[in-house]
Amino acid sequence: MALTDQDLAAENAQLRERVTALETEIARLQADTARTVATAQETLYWFERWGVDFNSLMARPQAEFARKSLRALRGVYRALLKAKRRIIA
């Protein structure tokens, strides 16, 4: 089964549309990434300016307790959210 010139032109048009859509998506992702990096850099700047050293802070025994507590709270929150979705749905 040979493709006609019209079939090839239609397929090329579809592929060009897909490429354009993918390029648009890439541009959006790059913009989102740039915004995220800029926000992180600004936050880091202020923590460094205030003299907060996260390595020494997280090396303390209290930090492990805080991490475990937050992880447990996050688990409870997610379980409640899941239950709420089951009730509503």
Protein backbone atom coordinates (compact mmCIF):
# COMPACT_ATOMS: atom_id res chain seq x y z
CA MET A 1 0.00 0.00 0.00
CA ALA A 2 1.70 3.15 -1.24
CA LEU A 3 1.04 6.48 0.33
CA THR A 4 -0.15 9.26 -1.89
CA ASP A 5 1.21 12.78 -1.86
CA GLN A 6 -1.92 13.92 -0.02
CA ASP A 7 -1.42 11.27 2.66
CA LEU A 8 2.20 12.32 3.12
CA ALA A 9 1.25 16.00 3.27
CA ALA A 10 -1.45 15.28 5.86
CA GLU A 11 0.95 13.21 7.96
CA ASN A 12 3.62 15.93 7.73
CA ALA A 13 1.08 18.53 8.84
CA GLN A 14 0.10 16.38 11.84
CA LEU A 15 3.75 15.87 12.76
CA ARG A 16 4.46 19.59 12.50
CA GLU A 17 1.50 20.32 14.80
CA ARG A 18 2.79 17.77 17.29
CA VAL A 19 6.30 19.26 17.18
CA THR A 20 4.86 22.73 17.77
CA ALA A 21 2.84 21.46 20.72
CA LEU A 22 5.90 19.75 22.20
CA GLU A 23 8.02 22.89 21.75
CA THR A 24 5.36 24.91 23.53
CA GLU A 25 5.32 22.38 26.37
CA ILE A 26 9.11 22.50 26.64
CA ALA A 27 9.05 26.30 26.80
CA ARG A 28 6.43 26.17 29.57
CA LEU A 29 8.46 23.62 31.54
CA GLN A 30 11.60 25.71 31.16
CA ALA A 31 9.78 28.79 32.45
CA ASP A 32 8.39 26.83 35.41
CA THR A 33 11.83 25.45 36.18
CA ALA A 34 13.42 28.89 35.99
CA ARG A 35 10.79 30.26 38.41
CA THR A 36 11.39 27.39 40.84
CA VAL A 37 15.15 27.83 40.75
CA ALA A 38 14.84 31.59 41.24
CA THR A 39 12.60 31.09 44.28
CA ALA A 40 15.00 28.54 45.77
CA GLN A 41 17.97 30.85 45.18
CA GLU A 42 16.20 33.74 46.86
CA THR A 43 15.29 31.58 49.86
CA LEU A 44 18.84 30.29 50.12
CA TYR A 45 20.18 33.84 49.93
CA TRP A 46 18.13 34.89 52.93
CA PHE A 47 19.00 31.81 54.98
CA GLU A 48 22.68 32.43 54.29
CA ARG A 49 22.30 36.10 55.15
CA TRP A 50 20.65 35.21 58.47
CA GLY A 51 23.44 32.72 59.19
CA VAL A 52 21.27 29.61 59.22
CA ASP A 53 23.40 26.50 58.67
CA PHE A 54 21.07 23.62 57.83
CA ASN A 55 23.83 21.00 57.98
CA SER A 56 24.62 21.76 61.62
CA LEU A 57 20.95 22.27 62.40
CA MET A 58 19.94 18.88 61.00
CA ALA A 59 22.86 17.13 62.74
CA ARG A 60 21.23 17.73 66.12
CA PRO A 61 19.22 14.92 67.74
CA GLN A 62 16.15 17.16 67.92
CA ALA A 63 16.15 17.40 64.13
CA GLU A 64 15.62 13.65 63.78
CA PHE A 65 12.67 13.86 66.16
CA ALA A 66 11.25 16.79 64.19
CA ARG A 67 11.62 14.95 60.87
CA LYS A 68 9.93 11.84 62.24
CA SER A 69 7.14 13.91 63.77
CA LEU A 70 6.50 15.77 60.51
CA ARG A 71 6.54 12.51 58.56
CA ALA A 72 3.96 11.04 60.96
CA LEU A 73 1.77 14.15 60.72
CA ARG A 74 1.99 14.03 56.94
CA GLY A 75 0.86 10.40 57.03
CA VAL A 76 -2.13 11.25 59.22
CA TYR A 77 -3.03 14.19 56.97
CA ARG A 78 -2.87 12.04 53.84
CA ALA A 79 -4.97 9.32 55.46
CA LEU A 80 -7.62 11.88 56.44
CA LEU A 81 -7.57 13.34 52.94
CA LYS A 82 -7.98 9.88 51.43
CA ALA A 83 -10.89 9.12 53.75
CA LYS A 84 -12.53 12.45 52.87
CA ARG A 85 -12.23 11.68 49.16
CA ARG A 86 -13.83 8.26 49.66
CA ILE A 87 -16.74 9.80 51.56
CA ILE A 88 -17.34 12.55 49.02
CA ALA A 89 -16.94 10.32 45.94
